[in-house]
Amino acid sequence: MTRRIVLLMLVALTAATLACEIPGTTSPTPFALPTPNLTLTAIFAPTDTPTEAPPTETPVVALVTFTPTTTSTVGTTPGAPTATVNPAAGRPNGTPMNAVNLTVAPAIDGNLSDWTGVSYGVAACTYGCNLRSGDTDLSGTVFLGYDSTNLYVALQVRDDKYIQVTSGRNMYKGDDIEIQFDANLTTDFTSTSLSSDDYQIGLSAGNFGTVAPNAYRWYPRSLEGSLSAVVVKAKQVADGYTLEAKIPWTVLGVTPVSGAKYGFAVSISDDDQTDTAVQQSMTSSVATRKLLNPTTWGTLILAPGGAS
C-alpha cells in the first residue's frame, strides 16, 4: 500500500510540472470579436431614411397660351354671310323683293283680293325650328307696294293655331309680323350692328276680339314706342290669317325714290301655347336673317313705273 501511494504522488508531481510549460495553461487573453460584416448589418440593422436635399430653385411650369387665329372679313361676323361691298347691288342674301309702285292705294281691310302680281315666300325657318312642324304650322307669303306716302305690306299667313295674348312691346311673344328695314345701305353697308337708320317694326293682328291690331317700333331705341300712324287690319281664315298694313315713310325716315334699294326682311313669329305669351318659332323671307346684324337681311327694291 505504501509503495502504491508513493507512485501516485510521483505521477501528480510530474503532471504539475508539465502544466507550467504547455501553451494555453496561462491566463487566457480576452477574446475580441471580429468586426461585423457590414452587408449583413445593413440587412438586419434599422436603416435611416435619407434626408432629401431641398431644391435650389423653384421649378418653373411653362404655361402655353394659345391665341386663336381668326380670319375676318370687314363688316362680317362668324356665321354671317359676307356682304359684297356694293351697296348699289343691294344685299347678297335671298331673293330681292320688289315693292310695286302703286297709282291707287289698296284698301287696308285685311282682305287681300285687291293684291295681284308677284308675292314672296316667308317660309325660311330662322328661330325655334325644332318647335315648327312644317309650313302648315307656320309660313306665309307677302305682297309689297308703295307710293309717295306709304309702304304697303300684305301677308297671307298659314298658322294652324293662332295665339296672341299681348300687344305693343311684347307682341313678339305671340303671333305677329316683324319687319327689318335698313334705310341707308350706302353709309353702313358692311356694319354688322344696328345703327340709327336700322328699323324693326312689329305688326300684330291682335286677338280678333279684345286686343285690337297694333304696331310697335323696337328700333331705333331712341324712337321706340307704339305706332299709331301705322294702320293694321287683319282677318282670320281657315288655315291662318291675313294682314295688311300701311306704313308711312316718315316712320322709316325715308323719302321714297323709284329704284331705291333698302335692307329688308319680313318675318312671322309663332306661339302655339294657349294663354301663354312666348315666342316659339319664326320664319322669314330671307334664311340668313339675324335680328341685330343688318348684313344678314335681304333687299327691298322700289320698282319703277306704276300699277293699279
Protein backbone atom coordinates (compact mmCIF):
# COMPACT_ATOMS: atom_id res chain seq x y z
CA MET A 1 0.00 0.00 0.00
CA THR A 2 2.86 2.35 0.87
CA ARG A 3 4.51 1.72 -2.45
CA ARG A 4 1.20 2.46 -4.32
CA ILE A 5 0.84 5.81 -2.58
CA VAL A 6 4.38 6.80 -3.42
CA LEU A 7 3.79 6.08 -7.13
CA LEU A 8 0.61 8.23 -7.23
CA MET A 9 2.41 11.14 -5.67
CA LEU A 10 5.17 10.91 -8.30
CA VAL A 11 2.63 10.98 -11.16
CA ALA A 12 0.91 14.05 -9.73
CA LEU A 13 4.16 15.89 -9.36
CA THR A 14 5.13 15.17 -12.95
CA ALA A 15 1.75 16.47 -14.28
CA ALA A 16 2.06 19.71 -12.39
CA THR A 17 5.50 20.31 -13.83
CA LEU A 18 4.29 19.75 -17.39
CA ALA A 19 1.29 22.06 -16.95
CA CYS A 20 3.52 25.00 -16.30
CA GLU A 21 5.10 24.73 -19.78
CA ILE A 22 2.10 23.79 -22.04
CA PRO A 23 0.84 26.77 -24.19
CA GLY A 24 -2.51 27.95 -23.11
CA THR A 25 -2.11 26.96 -19.50
CA THR A 26 -1.55 30.65 -18.65
CA SER A 27 -4.43 33.07 -18.09
CA PRO A 28 -6.31 33.45 -21.42
CA THR A 29 -6.12 36.73 -23.35
CA PRO A 30 -9.61 38.32 -23.62
CA PHE A 31 -11.26 37.26 -26.91
CA ALA A 32 -12.08 40.20 -29.26
CA LEU A 33 -14.98 39.59 -31.65
CA PRO A 34 -14.17 40.27 -35.29
CA THR A 35 -15.63 43.36 -36.94
CA PRO A 36 -19.16 42.54 -38.06
CA ASN A 37 -19.88 42.09 -41.77
CA LEU A 38 -21.31 45.43 -42.86
CA THR A 39 -23.57 43.93 -45.52
CA LEU A 40 -25.30 41.67 -43.05
CA THR A 41 -25.57 44.54 -40.59
CA ALA A 42 -27.24 46.59 -43.24
CA ILE A 43 -29.83 43.87 -43.70
CA PHE A 44 -30.72 43.43 -40.06
CA ALA A 45 -29.96 46.81 -38.54
CA PRO A 46 -32.51 49.67 -38.80
CA THR A 47 -31.90 51.87 -41.82
CA ASP A 48 -32.04 55.64 -41.51
CA THR A 49 -34.24 57.36 -44.12
CA PRO A 50 -32.03 59.72 -46.07
CA THR A 51 -32.98 63.34 -45.96
CA GLU A 52 -33.59 64.79 -49.47
CA ALA A 53 -31.72 67.97 -50.10
CA PRO A 54 -34.06 70.88 -50.69
CA PRO A 55 -34.22 72.21 -54.25
CA THR A 56 -32.04 75.13 -55.02
CA GLU A 57 -34.73 76.91 -57.14
CA THR A 58 -38.45 76.84 -57.59
CA PRO A 59 -39.49 74.69 -60.57
CA VAL A 60 -40.96 76.73 -63.43
CA VAL A 61 -44.10 75.38 -65.08
CA ALA A 62 -44.40 76.62 -68.61
CA LEU A 63 -47.94 77.89 -69.29
CA VAL A 64 -48.57 77.96 -73.01
CA THR A 65 -51.30 80.38 -74.03
CA PHE A 66 -52.92 79.59 -77.36
CA THR A 67 -54.19 82.63 -79.20
CA PRO A 68 -56.76 81.55 -81.78
CA THR A 69 -56.06 82.67 -85.27
CA THR A 70 -59.13 84.15 -86.89
CA THR A 71 -59.70 85.20 -90.42
CA SER A 72 -62.17 88.03 -90.62
CA THR A 73 -63.77 89.92 -93.39
CA VAL A 74 -64.54 93.56 -92.88
CA GLY A 75 -68.15 94.02 -91.95
CA THR A 76 -68.88 90.39 -91.13
CA THR A 77 -69.24 88.22 -88.07
CA PRO A 78 -68.60 84.46 -87.82
CA GLY A 79 -71.53 82.59 -89.32
CA ALA A 80 -72.88 85.66 -91.08
CA PRO A 81 -72.93 85.93 -94.86
CA THR A 82 -70.17 88.01 -96.36
CA ALA A 83 -71.61 91.24 -97.69
CA THR A 84 -70.22 92.19 -101.07
CA VAL A 85 -69.21 95.81 -100.77
CA ASN A 86 -71.53 97.11 -103.45
CA PRO A 87 -74.50 98.94 -101.94
CA ALA A 88 -75.89 99.66 -105.39
CA ALA A 89 -76.48 95.93 -105.86
CA GLY A 90 -78.30 95.53 -102.55
CA ARG A 91 -77.73 92.75 -100.02
CA PRO A 92 -76.45 89.45 -101.42
CA ASN A 93 -78.93 87.44 -99.34
CA GLY A 94 -82.00 85.72 -100.69
CA THR A 95 -84.18 86.95 -103.50
CA PRO A 96 -84.51 90.73 -103.94
CA MET A 97 -88.11 91.79 -103.23
CA ASN A 98 -89.83 94.39 -105.39
CA ALA A 99 -92.39 96.80 -104.00
CA VAL A 100 -94.79 97.76 -106.76
CA ASN A 101 -95.24 101.46 -107.46
CA LEU A 102 -98.99 101.86 -106.86
CA THR A 103 -101.04 104.53 -108.55
CA VAL A 104 -104.07 103.50 -106.49
CA ALA A 105 -103.60 102.75 -102.82
CA PRO A 106 -105.05 99.43 -101.64
CA ALA A 107 -107.87 99.37 -99.14
CA ILE A 108 -106.40 98.41 -95.76
CA ASP A 109 -109.05 96.00 -94.52
CA GLY A 110 -107.36 92.62 -94.20
CA ASN A 111 -108.84 91.41 -97.47
CA LEU A 112 -106.12 90.54 -100.00
CA SER A 113 -108.38 90.26 -103.03
CA ASP A 114 -107.03 93.52 -104.44
CA TRP A 115 -103.44 92.29 -104.37
CA THR A 116 -102.18 90.76 -107.60
CA GLY A 117 -98.78 90.21 -109.12
CA VAL A 118 -95.65 88.82 -107.52
CA SER A 119 -95.62 87.57 -103.95
CA TYR A 120 -92.64 86.33 -101.96
CA GLY A 121 -92.32 83.39 -99.63
CA VAL A 122 -91.89 83.87 -95.90
CA ALA A 123 -91.10 80.26 -95.04
CA ALA A 124 -87.39 80.06 -94.18
CA CYS A 125 -87.20 78.97 -90.55
CA THR A 126 -84.77 81.15 -88.61
CA TYR A 127 -85.72 80.51 -84.97
CA GLY A 128 -87.20 77.66 -82.91
CA CYS A 129 -87.17 75.30 -85.86
CA ASN A 130 -87.45 72.24 -83.63
CA LEU A 131 -90.84 73.58 -82.48
CA ARG A 132 -92.15 74.09 -86.01
CA SER A 133 -93.79 71.07 -87.60
CA GLY A 134 -93.86 72.44 -91.16
CA ASP A 135 -95.41 75.04 -93.45
CA THR A 136 -98.94 74.45 -92.17
CA ASP A 137 -97.70 75.26 -88.65
CA LEU A 138 -96.01 78.49 -89.75
CA SER A 139 -95.27 80.03 -93.15
CA GLY A 140 -96.58 82.76 -95.40
CA THR A 141 -96.38 84.90 -98.50
CA VAL A 142 -96.05 88.67 -98.75
CA PHE A 143 -97.06 91.33 -101.30
CA LEU A 144 -95.34 94.71 -101.29
CA GLY A 145 -96.31 98.07 -102.74
CA TYR A 146 -95.55 101.74 -102.28
CA ASP A 147 -96.47 105.27 -103.23
CA SER A 148 -95.05 108.63 -102.31
CA THR A 149 -96.57 108.47 -98.83
CA ASN A 150 -96.57 104.87 -97.62
CA LEU A 151 -95.08 101.42 -97.82
CA TYR A 152 -97.84 98.80 -98.10
CA VAL A 153 -97.44 95.26 -96.79
CA ALA A 154 -99.94 92.42 -97.22
CA LEU A 155 -99.43 88.92 -95.83
CA GLN A 156 -101.17 85.60 -96.17
CA VAL A 157 -100.11 83.61 -93.08
CA ARG A 158 -100.52 79.88 -92.62
CA ASP A 159 -100.76 79.13 -88.91
CA ASP A 160 -102.61 76.13 -87.52
CA LYS A 161 -103.04 77.72 -84.10
CA TYR A 162 -103.35 81.47 -83.65
CA ILE A 163 -102.28 82.75 -80.22
CA GLN A 164 -101.83 86.39 -79.23
CA VAL A 165 -102.39 87.43 -75.63
CA THR A 166 -100.36 90.64 -75.58
CA SER A 167 -99.64 93.76 -77.64
CA GLY A 168 -97.17 96.60 -78.08
CA ARG A 169 -93.62 95.91 -76.96
CA ASN A 170 -94.37 92.27 -76.12
CA MET A 171 -96.29 91.35 -79.25
CA TYR A 172 -93.37 89.20 -80.42
CA LYS A 173 -94.30 86.77 -77.62
CA GLY A 174 -97.19 85.69 -79.78
CA ASP A 175 -98.27 85.50 -83.41
CA ASP A 176 -97.06 88.66 -85.12
CA ILE A 177 -95.25 90.07 -88.18
CA GLU A 178 -91.85 91.73 -87.92
CA ILE A 179 -90.13 93.94 -90.46
CA GLN A 180 -86.42 94.81 -90.61
CA PHE A 181 -85.58 97.86 -92.69
CA ASP A 182 -82.18 99.44 -93.35
CA ALA A 183 -82.89 102.93 -94.58
CA ASN A 184 -79.35 103.74 -95.72
CA LEU A 185 -77.30 100.97 -97.30
CA THR A 186 -74.55 103.25 -98.57
CA THR A 187 -73.20 104.58 -95.29
CA ASP A 188 -73.08 101.36 -93.27
CA PHE A 189 -73.30 98.56 -95.80
CA THR A 190 -70.66 96.43 -94.06
CA SER A 191 -71.69 97.24 -90.48
CA THR A 192 -72.76 94.16 -88.54
CA SER A 193 -74.52 96.10 -85.79
CA LEU A 194 -77.64 98.24 -85.77
CA SER A 195 -77.41 101.98 -86.29
CA SER A 196 -79.87 104.85 -86.20
CA ASP A 197 -81.10 104.10 -89.74
CA ASP A 198 -81.96 100.46 -89.00
CA TYR A 199 -85.57 99.75 -88.07
CA GLN A 200 -87.50 96.88 -86.53
CA ILE A 201 -91.27 97.22 -86.63
CA GLY A 202 -93.88 94.79 -85.32
CA LEU A 203 -97.37 94.32 -86.77
CA SER A 204 -99.96 92.42 -84.75
CA ALA A 205 -103.41 91.24 -85.78
CA GLY A 206 -104.47 91.44 -82.12
CA ASN A 207 -106.61 88.55 -80.93
CA PHE A 208 -109.64 89.17 -83.17
CA GLY A 209 -111.54 90.22 -80.07
CA THR A 210 -110.44 92.25 -77.06
CA VAL A 211 -106.93 93.07 -78.38
CA ALA A 212 -107.01 95.34 -81.41
CA PRO A 213 -104.50 95.22 -84.28
CA ASN A 214 -101.49 97.38 -83.46
CA ALA A 215 -97.95 98.33 -84.49
CA TYR A 216 -94.76 98.90 -82.50
CA ARG A 217 -91.25 100.15 -83.29
CA TRP A 218 -88.43 98.49 -81.32
CA TYR A 219 -85.51 100.03 -83.23
CA PRO A 220 -84.02 102.58 -83.29
CA ARG A 221 -84.14 102.59 -79.49
CA SER A 222 -84.34 106.36 -79.44
CA LEU A 223 -87.65 106.13 -81.34
CA GLU A 224 -89.08 103.06 -79.60
CA GLY A 225 -92.80 103.06 -78.98
CA SER A 226 -96.28 102.32 -80.30
CA LEU A 227 -97.03 103.48 -83.84
CA SER A 228 -100.50 104.94 -84.09
CA ALA A 229 -99.65 106.28 -87.55
CA VAL A 230 -99.40 102.72 -88.90
CA VAL A 231 -102.74 101.25 -89.98
CA VAL A 232 -103.08 97.49 -89.41
CA LYS A 233 -106.05 95.31 -90.30
CA ALA A 234 -106.38 91.53 -90.21
CA LYS A 235 -108.82 88.67 -90.76
CA GLN A 236 -108.86 85.08 -89.64
CA VAL A 237 -109.12 82.48 -92.38
CA ALA A 238 -109.38 78.70 -92.36
CA ASP A 239 -105.66 77.99 -92.30
CA GLY A 240 -104.38 81.10 -90.50
CA TYR A 241 -104.90 84.81 -91.05
CA THR A 242 -104.36 87.70 -93.44
CA LEU A 243 -102.88 91.07 -92.51
CA GLU A 244 -102.49 94.39 -94.29
CA ALA A 245 -100.51 97.40 -93.10
CA LYS A 246 -99.95 100.93 -94.31
CA ILE A 247 -96.61 102.24 -93.01
CA PRO A 248 -95.89 105.93 -93.60
CA TRP A 249 -92.39 106.57 -94.97
CA THR A 250 -91.92 109.05 -92.14
CA VAL A 251 -91.97 106.13 -89.70
CA LEU A 252 -88.97 104.71 -91.58
CA GLY A 253 -87.17 108.03 -92.03
CA VAL A 254 -87.27 107.74 -95.81
CA THR A 255 -88.25 109.88 -98.77
CA PRO A 256 -89.02 107.23 -101.42
CA VAL A 257 -87.27 107.32 -104.79
CA SER A 258 -88.09 104.96 -107.62
CA GLY A 259 -85.38 102.33 -107.98
CA ALA A 260 -84.01 102.84 -104.46
CA LYS A 261 -82.75 99.80 -102.53
CA TYR A 262 -83.03 99.14 -98.82
CA GLY A 263 -82.05 96.37 -96.46
CA PHE A 264 -85.21 94.39 -95.75
CA ALA A 265 -86.69 91.25 -94.24
CA VAL A 266 -90.23 90.17 -93.36
CA SER A 267 -90.67 87.55 -90.66
CA ILE A 268 -93.56 85.75 -88.96
CA SER A 269 -93.45 84.85 -85.28
CA ASP A 270 -95.45 81.97 -83.79
CA ASP A 271 -96.80 80.97 -80.39
CA ASP A 272 -98.73 77.70 -80.03
CA GLN A 273 -99.17 77.74 -76.24
CA THR A 274 -102.72 78.72 -75.33
CA ASP A 275 -102.92 81.74 -72.98
CA THR A 276 -99.11 81.88 -72.69
CA ALA A 277 -97.00 84.73 -74.08
CA VAL A 278 -93.90 83.15 -75.59
CA GLN A 279 -92.07 83.31 -78.89
CA GLN A 280 -91.61 79.73 -80.07
CA SER A 281 -90.55 79.90 -83.69
CA MET A 282 -90.09 82.23 -86.63
CA THR A 283 -89.96 82.04 -90.41
CA SER A 284 -88.57 84.76 -92.65
CA SER A 285 -88.31 85.97 -96.22
CA VAL A 286 -84.52 85.52 -96.01
CA ALA A 287 -82.89 82.44 -94.48
CA THR A 288 -79.83 84.34 -93.23
CA ARG A 289 -81.84 86.82 -91.19
CA LYS A 290 -80.36 87.80 -87.83
CA LEU A 291 -82.16 90.50 -85.89
CA LEU A 292 -79.13 92.52 -84.82
CA ASN A 293 -76.99 92.12 -87.96
CA PRO A 294 -78.19 94.15 -90.96
CA THR A 295 -75.73 92.41 -93.30
CA THR A 296 -77.87 89.27 -92.97
CA TRP A 297 -81.05 90.93 -94.24
CA GLY A 298 -82.35 90.85 -97.78
CA THR A 299 -83.11 93.65 -100.24
CA LEU A 300 -86.21 95.71 -100.94
CA ILE A 301 -86.36 97.49 -104.29
CA LEU A 302 -88.81 100.30 -105.04
CA ALA A 303 -89.73 99.22 -108.52
CA PRO A 304 -90.09 101.95 -111.13
CA GLY A 305 -93.30 102.53 -113.07
CA GLY A 306 -96.86 102.41 -111.81
CA ALA A 307 -99.51 99.80 -111.18
CA SER A 308 -103.12 99.87 -110.14
